[in-house]
Amino acid sequence: MRYVSPTEKPFQSHIMKDLDLTQPLAALETDEEWTELLEQIIAAMGCTTGTLHRYDPEPKLLRMLAQKGIPDELMSKVQEIPIGKGIAGAAAQNRSAVQLCNLQTDTSGVARPDAKKTHVSGSLAVPILDGEELRGTLGVGMHDPHEFNEEETEKMWSIARWLAKAI
């Protein structure tokens, strides 16, 4: 597991292929619109699964907006995530990226035991921040072990900064 601090580098358009982060994100209202956006993000990251959560400050929970590839048996556990619990909760709490090269063999304790049921190995989660304000989390994963490099991690931060105004 690795924590990565956010960078303030300006967005570099050459690292994005399918998403135009230079344009403001239109207001998304339906579950289908959020899911379609998440699917585009997952594809842009070269991943197969993902989650998008919005932060609810009153109960201090991350509430799911969209997901792809999460088994039905885990849906009740990922609908609401307390800050500090699991990969998304750790990213939110620490305001930093959380990466697991192989979730299936990870022993750091960050991933919840049921996370292995996703069959995801390489995973990366970042908080969605509007300045210092937590707005949510974005997570992606792939079935093979993978160490996300600096460019991939910055790509996730760029997407998260873009999402911050809309979530």
N, C-alpha and C. Protein backbone atom coordinates (compact mmCIF):
# COMPACT_ATOMS: atom_id res chain seq x y z
N MET A 1 0.84 -1.16 0.00
CA MET A 1 0.00 0.00 0.00
C MET A 1 0.89 1.23 0.00
N ARG A 2 0.42 2.26 -0.71
CA ARG A 2 1.21 3.48 -0.80
C ARG A 2 0.25 4.66 -0.75
N TYR A 3 0.61 5.67 0.04
CA TYR A 3 -0.15 6.91 0.08
C TYR A 3 0.60 7.92 -0.78
N VAL A 4 -0.15 8.68 -1.57
CA VAL A 4 0.45 9.67 -2.46
C VAL A 4 -0.25 11.00 -2.23
N SER A 5 0.49 12.06 -1.99
CA SER A 5 -0.10 13.37 -1.77
C SER A 5 -0.59 13.96 -3.08
N PRO A 6 -1.63 14.81 -3.01
CA PRO A 6 -2.09 15.45 -4.24
C PRO A 6 -1.05 16.44 -4.73
N THR A 7 -1.01 16.61 -6.03
CA THR A 7 -0.09 17.60 -6.60
C THR A 7 -0.90 18.74 -7.14
N GLU A 8 -0.29 19.87 -7.25
CA GLU A 8 -0.98 21.04 -7.78
C GLU A 8 -0.55 21.30 -9.22
N LYS A 9 0.03 20.30 -9.87
CA LYS A 9 0.42 20.46 -11.26
C LYS A 9 -0.80 20.75 -12.11
N PRO A 10 -0.69 21.63 -13.09
CA PRO A 10 -1.82 21.86 -13.97
C PRO A 10 -2.10 20.61 -14.80
N PHE A 11 -3.34 20.46 -15.17
CA PHE A 11 -3.73 19.31 -15.97
C PHE A 11 -2.94 19.28 -17.28
N GLN A 12 -2.45 18.11 -17.61
CA GLN A 12 -1.72 17.93 -18.86
C GLN A 12 -2.61 17.11 -19.79
N SER A 13 -3.14 17.74 -20.82
CA SER A 13 -4.14 17.08 -21.66
C SER A 13 -3.62 15.85 -22.38
N HIS A 14 -2.31 15.72 -22.55
CA HIS A 14 -1.82 14.55 -23.28
C HIS A 14 -1.99 13.25 -22.51
N ILE A 15 -2.25 13.32 -21.21
CA ILE A 15 -2.40 12.08 -20.45
C ILE A 15 -3.83 11.57 -20.48
N MET A 16 -4.77 12.37 -20.97
CA MET A 16 -6.16 11.93 -21.04
C MET A 16 -6.49 11.63 -22.49
N LYS A 17 -7.19 10.55 -22.72
CA LYS A 17 -7.54 10.19 -24.08
C LYS A 17 -9.01 10.45 -24.37
N ASP A 18 -9.90 10.01 -23.49
CA ASP A 18 -11.31 10.06 -23.81
C ASP A 18 -12.09 11.12 -23.04
N LEU A 19 -11.54 11.65 -21.99
CA LEU A 19 -12.25 12.65 -21.19
C LEU A 19 -11.67 14.02 -21.47
N ASP A 20 -12.53 15.00 -21.66
CA ASP A 20 -12.07 16.37 -21.88
C ASP A 20 -12.18 17.13 -20.57
N LEU A 21 -11.11 17.13 -19.81
CA LEU A 21 -11.12 17.78 -18.50
C LEU A 21 -10.99 19.29 -18.59
N THR A 22 -10.87 19.81 -19.81
CA THR A 22 -10.78 21.26 -19.96
C THR A 22 -12.17 21.89 -19.98
N GLN A 23 -13.20 21.06 -20.15
CA GLN A 23 -14.57 21.55 -20.18
C GLN A 23 -15.24 21.27 -18.83
N PRO A 24 -16.06 22.21 -18.35
CA PRO A 24 -16.77 21.94 -17.10
C PRO A 24 -17.69 20.73 -17.26
N LEU A 25 -17.83 20.01 -16.20
CA LEU A 25 -18.70 18.84 -16.20
C LEU A 25 -20.14 19.30 -16.07
N ALA A 26 -20.98 18.87 -16.98
CA ALA A 26 -22.41 19.22 -16.93
C ALA A 26 -23.03 18.60 -15.69
N ALA A 27 -24.09 19.20 -15.22
CA ALA A 27 -24.81 18.67 -14.05
C ALA A 27 -25.33 17.27 -14.38
N LEU A 28 -25.02 16.33 -13.54
CA LEU A 28 -25.48 14.96 -13.71
C LEU A 28 -26.56 14.71 -12.66
N GLU A 29 -27.67 14.18 -13.08
CA GLU A 29 -28.79 14.03 -12.15
C GLU A 29 -29.21 12.59 -11.93
N THR A 30 -29.04 11.73 -12.93
CA THR A 30 -29.54 10.37 -12.79
C THR A 30 -28.40 9.40 -12.48
N ASP A 31 -28.79 8.27 -11.91
CA ASP A 31 -27.82 7.21 -11.64
C ASP A 31 -27.15 6.77 -12.93
N GLU A 32 -27.92 6.72 -14.01
CA GLU A 32 -27.38 6.30 -15.30
C GLU A 32 -26.30 7.26 -15.80
N GLU A 33 -26.50 8.56 -15.60
CA GLU A 33 -25.50 9.55 -16.03
C GLU A 33 -24.21 9.41 -15.22
N TRP A 34 -24.33 9.22 -13.90
CA TRP A 34 -23.14 9.03 -13.08
C TRP A 34 -22.42 7.73 -13.45
N THR A 35 -23.19 6.68 -13.72
CA THR A 35 -22.59 5.39 -14.09
C THR A 35 -21.87 5.51 -15.43
N GLU A 36 -22.48 6.19 -16.39
CA GLU A 36 -21.84 6.37 -17.69
C GLU A 36 -20.53 7.15 -17.55
N LEU A 37 -20.54 8.19 -16.73
CA LEU A 37 -19.31 8.95 -16.49
C LEU A 37 -18.25 8.06 -15.84
N LEU A 38 -18.64 7.30 -14.83
CA LEU A 38 -17.68 6.41 -14.17
C LEU A 38 -17.11 5.40 -15.16
N GLU A 39 -17.93 4.86 -16.03
CA GLU A 39 -17.44 3.91 -17.03
C GLU A 39 -16.41 4.56 -17.95
N GLN A 40 -16.62 5.82 -18.30
CA GLN A 40 -15.64 6.54 -19.12
C GLN A 40 -14.33 6.73 -18.36
N ILE A 41 -14.41 7.03 -17.08
CA ILE A 41 -13.21 7.20 -16.25
C ILE A 41 -12.46 5.88 -16.14
N ILE A 42 -13.19 4.80 -15.87
CA ILE A 42 -12.57 3.47 -15.76
C ILE A 42 -11.83 3.14 -17.06
N ALA A 43 -12.47 3.37 -18.18
CA ALA A 43 -11.83 3.09 -19.48
C ALA A 43 -10.61 3.96 -19.68
N ALA A 44 -10.70 5.25 -19.34
CA ALA A 44 -9.57 6.16 -19.51
C ALA A 44 -8.38 5.74 -18.64
N MET A 45 -8.66 5.08 -17.52
CA MET A 45 -7.60 4.61 -16.63
C MET A 45 -7.12 3.21 -16.99
N GLY A 46 -7.73 2.58 -17.98
CA GLY A 46 -7.33 1.23 -18.38
C GLY A 46 -7.72 0.19 -17.35
N CYS A 47 -8.80 0.44 -16.62
CA CYS A 47 -9.23 -0.45 -15.55
C CYS A 47 -10.54 -1.16 -15.92
N THR A 48 -11.02 -2.02 -15.02
CA THR A 48 -12.23 -2.78 -15.28
C THR A 48 -13.32 -2.53 -14.24
N THR A 49 -12.97 -2.01 -13.09
CA THR A 49 -13.96 -1.77 -12.04
C THR A 49 -13.74 -0.37 -11.47
N GLY A 50 -14.78 0.12 -10.77
CA GLY A 50 -14.62 1.42 -10.13
C GLY A 50 -15.80 1.79 -9.27
N THR A 51 -15.56 2.78 -8.41
CA THR A 51 -16.61 3.33 -7.56
C THR A 51 -16.46 4.85 -7.51
N LEU A 52 -17.58 5.50 -7.34
CA LEU A 52 -17.62 6.94 -7.17
C LEU A 52 -18.55 7.21 -5.99
N HIS A 53 -18.00 7.84 -4.96
CA HIS A 53 -18.77 8.15 -3.76
C HIS A 53 -18.80 9.65 -3.52
N ARG A 54 -19.92 10.14 -3.00
CA ARG A 54 -20.06 11.54 -2.57
C ARG A 54 -19.99 11.55 -1.04
N TYR A 55 -19.30 12.57 -0.52
CA TYR A 55 -19.15 12.70 0.93
C TYR A 55 -20.37 13.38 1.53
N ASP A 56 -20.93 12.77 2.58
CA ASP A 56 -22.02 13.34 3.34
C ASP A 56 -21.44 13.72 4.70
N PRO A 57 -21.22 15.03 4.95
CA PRO A 57 -20.49 15.44 6.15
C PRO A 57 -21.23 15.22 7.47
N GLU A 58 -22.55 15.24 7.46
CA GLU A 58 -23.28 15.12 8.73
C GLU A 58 -23.03 13.78 9.41
N PRO A 59 -23.23 12.65 8.72
CA PRO A 59 -22.87 11.39 9.38
C PRO A 59 -21.42 10.96 9.10
N LYS A 60 -20.69 11.78 8.33
CA LYS A 60 -19.30 11.46 7.96
C LYS A 60 -19.22 10.12 7.22
N LEU A 61 -20.02 10.02 6.15
CA LEU A 61 -20.06 8.81 5.34
C LEU A 61 -19.82 9.15 3.88
N LEU A 62 -19.21 8.21 3.17
CA LEU A 62 -19.13 8.26 1.72
C LEU A 62 -20.34 7.49 1.19
N ARG A 63 -21.16 8.13 0.35
CA ARG A 63 -22.36 7.49 -0.19
C ARG A 63 -22.17 7.26 -1.69
N MET A 64 -22.42 6.03 -2.12
CA MET A 64 -22.17 5.65 -3.51
C MET A 64 -23.06 6.41 -4.49
N LEU A 65 -22.40 6.94 -5.52
CA LEU A 65 -23.11 7.55 -6.65
C LEU A 65 -23.16 6.58 -7.83
N ALA A 66 -22.07 5.84 -8.03
CA ALA A 66 -21.99 4.93 -9.17
C ALA A 66 -20.95 3.86 -8.89
N GLN A 67 -21.12 2.73 -9.57
CA GLN A 67 -20.15 1.64 -9.46
C GLN A 67 -20.19 0.82 -10.72
N LYS A 68 -19.11 0.14 -10.94
CA LYS A 68 -19.04 -0.85 -12.03
C LYS A 68 -18.18 -2.00 -11.54
N GLY A 69 -18.69 -3.21 -11.67
CA GLY A 69 -17.90 -4.40 -11.36
C GLY A 69 -17.91 -4.83 -9.91
N ILE A 70 -18.75 -4.23 -9.08
CA ILE A 70 -18.84 -4.64 -7.68
C ILE A 70 -19.87 -5.76 -7.59
N PRO A 71 -19.49 -6.92 -7.04
CA PRO A 71 -20.45 -8.03 -6.94
C PRO A 71 -21.67 -7.65 -6.09
N ASP A 72 -22.82 -8.17 -6.46
CA ASP A 72 -24.07 -7.87 -5.73
C ASP A 72 -23.94 -8.14 -4.23
N GLU A 73 -23.22 -9.20 -3.88
CA GLU A 73 -23.09 -9.56 -2.46
C GLU A 73 -22.34 -8.51 -1.64
N LEU A 74 -21.62 -7.61 -2.30
CA LEU A 74 -20.88 -6.57 -1.58
C LEU A 74 -21.57 -5.21 -1.61
N MET A 75 -22.63 -5.08 -2.39
CA MET A 75 -23.25 -3.77 -2.56
C MET A 75 -23.68 -3.14 -1.24
N SER A 76 -24.20 -3.91 -0.32
CA SER A 76 -24.64 -3.33 0.95
C SER A 76 -23.46 -2.78 1.75
N LYS A 77 -22.27 -3.30 1.51
CA LYS A 77 -21.09 -2.86 2.26
C LYS A 77 -20.41 -1.65 1.64
N VAL A 78 -20.68 -1.39 0.36
CA VAL A 78 -20.02 -0.25 -0.30
C VAL A 78 -20.98 0.91 -0.58
N GLN A 79 -22.25 0.73 -0.27
CA GLN A 79 -23.21 1.82 -0.46
C GLN A 79 -22.86 3.01 0.45
N GLU A 80 -22.49 2.74 1.69
CA GLU A 80 -22.08 3.76 2.64
C GLU A 80 -20.79 3.30 3.30
N ILE A 81 -19.77 4.17 3.24
CA ILE A 81 -18.46 3.82 3.79
C ILE A 81 -18.07 4.88 4.81
N PRO A 82 -17.79 4.47 6.04
CA PRO A 82 -17.32 5.43 7.04
C PRO A 82 -15.92 5.95 6.67
N ILE A 83 -15.67 7.19 6.97
CA ILE A 83 -14.35 7.76 6.74
C ILE A 83 -13.34 6.94 7.54
N GLY A 84 -12.25 6.56 6.87
CA GLY A 84 -11.21 5.77 7.51
C GLY A 84 -11.34 4.27 7.30
N LYS A 85 -12.46 3.80 6.77
CA LYS A 85 -12.66 2.36 6.57
C LYS A 85 -12.45 2.00 5.11
N GLY A 86 -11.67 0.98 4.86
CA GLY A 86 -11.43 0.51 3.50
C GLY A 86 -10.56 1.47 2.71
N ILE A 87 -10.39 1.15 1.45
CA ILE A 87 -9.50 1.92 0.58
C ILE A 87 -10.05 3.32 0.35
N ALA A 88 -11.34 3.42 0.00
CA ALA A 88 -11.94 4.74 -0.22
C ALA A 88 -11.96 5.56 1.06
N GLY A 89 -12.31 4.93 2.16
CA GLY A 89 -12.35 5.64 3.45
C GLY A 89 -10.98 6.13 3.88
N ALA A 90 -9.93 5.35 3.59
CA ALA A 90 -8.56 5.78 3.92
C ALA A 90 -8.14 6.95 3.04
N ALA A 91 -8.50 6.90 1.76
CA ALA A 91 -8.17 8.02 0.86
C ALA A 91 -8.85 9.30 1.35
N ALA A 92 -10.10 9.18 1.76
CA ALA A 92 -10.84 10.34 2.25
C ALA A 92 -10.24 10.87 3.55
N GLN A 93 -9.94 10.00 4.46
CA GLN A 93 -9.41 10.40 5.77
C GLN A 93 -8.05 11.07 5.65
N ASN A 94 -7.18 10.50 4.83
CA ASN A 94 -5.81 11.00 4.71
C ASN A 94 -5.65 12.06 3.64
N ARG A 95 -6.72 12.30 2.87
CA ARG A 95 -6.66 13.29 1.78
C ARG A 95 -5.50 12.99 0.85
N SER A 96 -5.31 11.69 0.57
CA SER A 96 -4.22 11.26 -0.30
C SER A 96 -4.65 10.03 -1.08
N ALA A 97 -3.93 9.77 -2.16
CA ALA A 97 -4.19 8.57 -2.95
C ALA A 97 -3.77 7.34 -2.17
N VAL A 98 -4.56 6.28 -2.31
CA VAL A 98 -4.23 5.00 -1.69
C VAL A 98 -4.17 3.97 -2.81
N GLN A 99 -3.07 3.27 -2.86
CA GLN A 99 -2.83 2.31 -3.92
C GLN A 99 -2.48 0.96 -3.32
N LEU A 100 -3.07 -0.09 -3.90
CA LEU A 100 -2.68 -1.45 -3.55
C LEU A 100 -2.29 -2.14 -4.84
N CYS A 101 -1.06 -2.64 -4.89
CA CYS A 101 -0.58 -3.33 -6.09
C CYS A 101 -1.34 -4.63 -6.29
N ASN A 102 -1.62 -5.33 -5.19
CA ASN A 102 -2.37 -6.58 -5.28
C ASN A 102 -3.28 -6.70 -4.07
N LEU A 103 -4.50 -6.28 -4.23
CA LEU A 103 -5.47 -6.33 -3.15
C LEU A 103 -5.66 -7.76 -2.65
N GLN A 104 -5.51 -8.73 -3.53
CA GLN A 104 -5.73 -10.12 -3.16
C GLN A 104 -4.72 -10.65 -2.15
N THR A 105 -3.53 -10.08 -2.13
CA THR A 105 -2.49 -10.55 -1.21
C THR A 105 -2.09 -9.49 -0.19
N ASP A 106 -2.75 -8.34 -0.21
CA ASP A 106 -2.38 -7.23 0.68
C ASP A 106 -2.62 -7.60 2.14
N THR A 107 -1.65 -7.25 2.97
CA THR A 107 -1.77 -7.50 4.41
C THR A 107 -1.67 -6.21 5.22
N SER A 108 -1.79 -5.07 4.56
CA SER A 108 -1.65 -3.79 5.26
C SER A 108 -2.82 -3.49 6.20
N GLY A 109 -3.97 -4.11 5.94
CA GLY A 109 -5.14 -3.84 6.76
C GLY A 109 -6.01 -2.71 6.24
N VAL A 110 -5.58 -2.03 5.18
CA VAL A 110 -6.38 -0.94 4.63
C VAL A 110 -7.62 -1.48 3.95
N ALA A 111 -7.46 -2.47 3.10
CA ALA A 111 -8.61 -3.07 2.41
C ALA A 111 -9.39 -3.92 3.40
N ARG A 112 -10.69 -3.82 3.35
CA ARG A 112 -11.56 -4.65 4.18
C ARG A 112 -11.49 -6.09 3.66
N PRO A 113 -11.64 -7.09 4.54
CA PRO A 113 -11.52 -8.49 4.12
C PRO A 113 -12.43 -8.86 2.94
N ASP A 114 -13.66 -8.35 2.91
CA ASP A 114 -14.57 -8.68 1.81
C ASP A 114 -14.13 -8.08 0.47
N ALA A 115 -13.22 -7.12 0.49
CA ALA A 115 -12.77 -6.49 -0.77
C ALA A 115 -12.17 -7.52 -1.71
N LYS A 116 -11.64 -8.60 -1.17
CA LYS A 116 -11.06 -9.64 -2.02
C LYS A 116 -12.11 -10.31 -2.90
N LYS A 117 -13.37 -10.23 -2.51
CA LYS A 117 -14.45 -10.83 -3.30
C LYS A 117 -14.68 -10.09 -4.62
N THR A 118 -14.10 -8.93 -4.76
CA THR A 118 -14.23 -8.19 -6.03
C THR A 118 -13.35 -8.81 -7.11
N HIS A 119 -12.37 -9.62 -6.71
CA HIS A 119 -11.39 -10.24 -7.61
C HIS A 119 -10.50 -9.18 -8.26
N VAL A 120 -10.46 -8.00 -7.67
CA VAL A 120 -9.57 -6.93 -8.14
C VAL A 120 -8.21 -7.13 -7.49
N SER A 121 -7.17 -6.84 -8.23
CA SER A 121 -5.81 -6.88 -7.67
C SER A 121 -5.28 -5.46 -7.55
N GLY A 122 -4.91 -4.84 -8.70
CA GLY A 122 -4.39 -3.48 -8.67
C GLY A 122 -5.52 -2.49 -8.43
N SER A 123 -5.36 -1.62 -7.43
CA SER A 123 -6.42 -0.64 -7.15
C SER A 123 -5.82 0.70 -6.74
N LEU A 124 -6.57 1.75 -7.04
CA LEU A 124 -6.16 3.11 -6.73
C LEU A 124 -7.40 3.91 -6.37
N ALA A 125 -7.36 4.60 -5.24
CA ALA A 125 -8.46 5.48 -4.82
C ALA A 125 -7.88 6.84 -4.48
N VAL A 126 -8.59 7.88 -4.88
CA VAL A 126 -8.20 9.25 -4.55
C VAL A 126 -9.39 9.99 -3.96
N PRO A 127 -9.11 10.92 -3.06
CA PRO A 127 -10.21 11.76 -2.58
C PRO A 127 -10.55 12.80 -3.64
N ILE A 128 -11.78 13.19 -3.67
CA ILE A 128 -12.21 14.28 -4.54
C ILE A 128 -12.28 15.51 -3.65
N LEU A 129 -11.37 16.45 -3.91
CA LEU A 129 -11.23 17.64 -3.06
C LEU A 129 -11.54 18.90 -3.85
N ASP A 130 -12.29 19.80 -3.22
CA ASP A 130 -12.52 21.13 -3.75
C ASP A 130 -11.75 22.06 -2.82
N GLY A 131 -10.51 22.36 -3.19
CA GLY A 131 -9.61 23.03 -2.26
C GLY A 131 -9.26 22.05 -1.16
N GLU A 132 -9.61 22.39 0.08
CA GLU A 132 -9.39 21.48 1.21
C GLU A 132 -10.65 20.70 1.57
N GLU A 133 -11.77 21.02 0.92
CA GLU A 133 -13.04 20.40 1.26
C GLU A 133 -13.21 19.05 0.57
N LEU A 134 -13.45 18.01 1.36
CA LEU A 134 -13.70 16.67 0.83
C LEU A 134 -15.07 16.65 0.19
N ARG A 135 -15.12 16.22 -1.06
CA ARG A 135 -16.39 16.12 -1.78
C ARG A 135 -16.77 14.66 -2.04
N GLY A 136 -15.78 13.74 -2.05
CA GLY A 136 -16.07 12.34 -2.29
C GLY A 136 -14.79 11.57 -2.56
N THR A 137 -14.94 10.39 -3.16
CA THR A 137 -13.79 9.58 -3.54
C THR A 137 -14.05 8.93 -4.89
N LEU A 138 -12.96 8.66 -5.57
CA LEU A 138 -12.98 7.96 -6.86
C LEU A 138 -12.01 6.80 -6.75
N GLY A 139 -12.48 5.60 -7.09
CA GLY A 139 -11.61 4.43 -7.03
C GLY A 139 -11.72 3.61 -8.30
N VAL A 140 -10.61 3.05 -8.73
CA VAL A 140 -10.59 2.17 -9.89
C VAL A 140 -9.76 0.93 -9.56
N GLY A 141 -10.02 -0.13 -10.32
CA GLY A 141 -9.26 -1.35 -10.11
C GLY A 141 -9.18 -2.18 -11.37
N MET A 142 -8.22 -3.10 -11.35
CA MET A 142 -8.05 -4.04 -12.45
C MET A 142 -7.79 -5.42 -11.88
N HIS A 143 -8.03 -6.42 -12.69
CA HIS A 143 -7.93 -7.79 -12.19
C HIS A 143 -6.49 -8.28 -12.03
N ASP A 144 -5.56 -7.67 -12.70
CA ASP A 144 -4.15 -8.07 -12.57
C ASP A 144 -3.45 -7.18 -11.54
N PRO A 145 -2.43 -7.73 -10.87
CA PRO A 145 -1.64 -6.87 -9.98
C PRO A 145 -1.05 -5.72 -10.79
N HIS A 146 -1.04 -4.54 -10.20
CA HIS A 146 -0.55 -3.36 -10.93
C HIS A 146 -0.11 -2.29 -9.96
N GLU A 147 1.07 -1.77 -10.18
CA GLU A 147 1.58 -0.62 -9.42
C GLU A 147 1.33 0.61 -10.29
N PHE A 148 0.38 1.44 -9.89
CA PHE A 148 0.07 2.64 -10.67
C PHE A 148 1.27 3.58 -10.61
N ASN A 149 1.71 4.03 -11.78
CA ASN A 149 2.89 4.90 -11.83
C ASN A 149 2.48 6.36 -11.59
N GLU A 150 3.47 7.23 -11.59
CA GLU A 150 3.23 8.65 -11.30
C GLU A 150 2.26 9.28 -12.30
N GLU A 151 2.40 8.95 -13.57
CA GLU A 151 1.52 9.52 -14.59
C GLU A 151 0.07 9.05 -14.39
N GLU A 152 -0.11 7.76 -14.09
CA GLU A 152 -1.46 7.25 -13.86
C GLU A 152 -2.09 7.87 -12.61
N THR A 153 -1.28 8.02 -11.57
CA THR A 153 -1.78 8.61 -10.33
C THR A 153 -2.14 10.08 -10.55
N GLU A 154 -1.33 10.81 -11.29
CA GLU A 154 -1.64 12.21 -11.59
C GLU A 154 -2.90 12.29 -12.45
N LYS A 155 -3.09 11.33 -13.31
CA LYS A 155 -4.30 11.29 -14.14
C LYS A 155 -5.53 11.17 -13.24
N MET A 156 -5.46 10.32 -12.23
CA MET A 156 -6.59 10.19 -11.29
C MET A 156 -6.81 11.49 -10.53
N TRP A 157 -5.73 12.14 -10.10
CA TRP A 157 -5.88 13.42 -9.40
C TRP A 157 -6.53 14.46 -10.32
N SER A 158 -6.15 14.47 -11.58
CA SER A 158 -6.74 15.41 -12.54
C SER A 158 -8.24 15.17 -12.68
N ILE A 159 -8.61 13.91 -12.77
CA ILE A 159 -10.03 13.58 -12.88
C ILE A 159 -10.77 13.99 -11.61
N ALA A 160 -10.16 13.72 -10.46
CA ALA A 160 -10.80 14.07 -9.19
C ALA A 160 -10.98 15.59 -9.05
N ARG A 161 -9.98 16.37 -9.48
CA ARG A 161 -10.13 17.82 -9.42
C ARG A 161 -11.26 18.28 -10.34
N TRP A 162 -11.39 17.64 -11.49
CA TRP A 162 -12.44 17.95 -12.44
C TRP A 162 -13.82 17.62 -11.86
N LEU A 163 -13.91 16.50 -11.17
CA LEU A 163 -15.17 16.06 -10.57
C LEU A 163 -15.60 16.93 -9.39
N ALA A 164 -14.65 17.56 -8.74
CA ALA A 164 -14.92 18.25 -7.47
C ALA A 164 -16.02 19.29 -7.56
N LYS A 165 -16.14 19.97 -8.67
CA LYS A 165 -17.18 21.02 -8.79
C LYS A 165 -18.55 20.44 -9.06
N ALA A 166 -18.63 19.20 -9.54
CA ALA A 166 -19.90 18.63 -9.96
C ALA A 166 -20.50 17.66 -8.94
N ILE A 167 -19.68 17.11 -8.10
CA ILE A 167 -20.16 16.05 -7.20
C ILE A 167 -20.91 16.60 -6.00
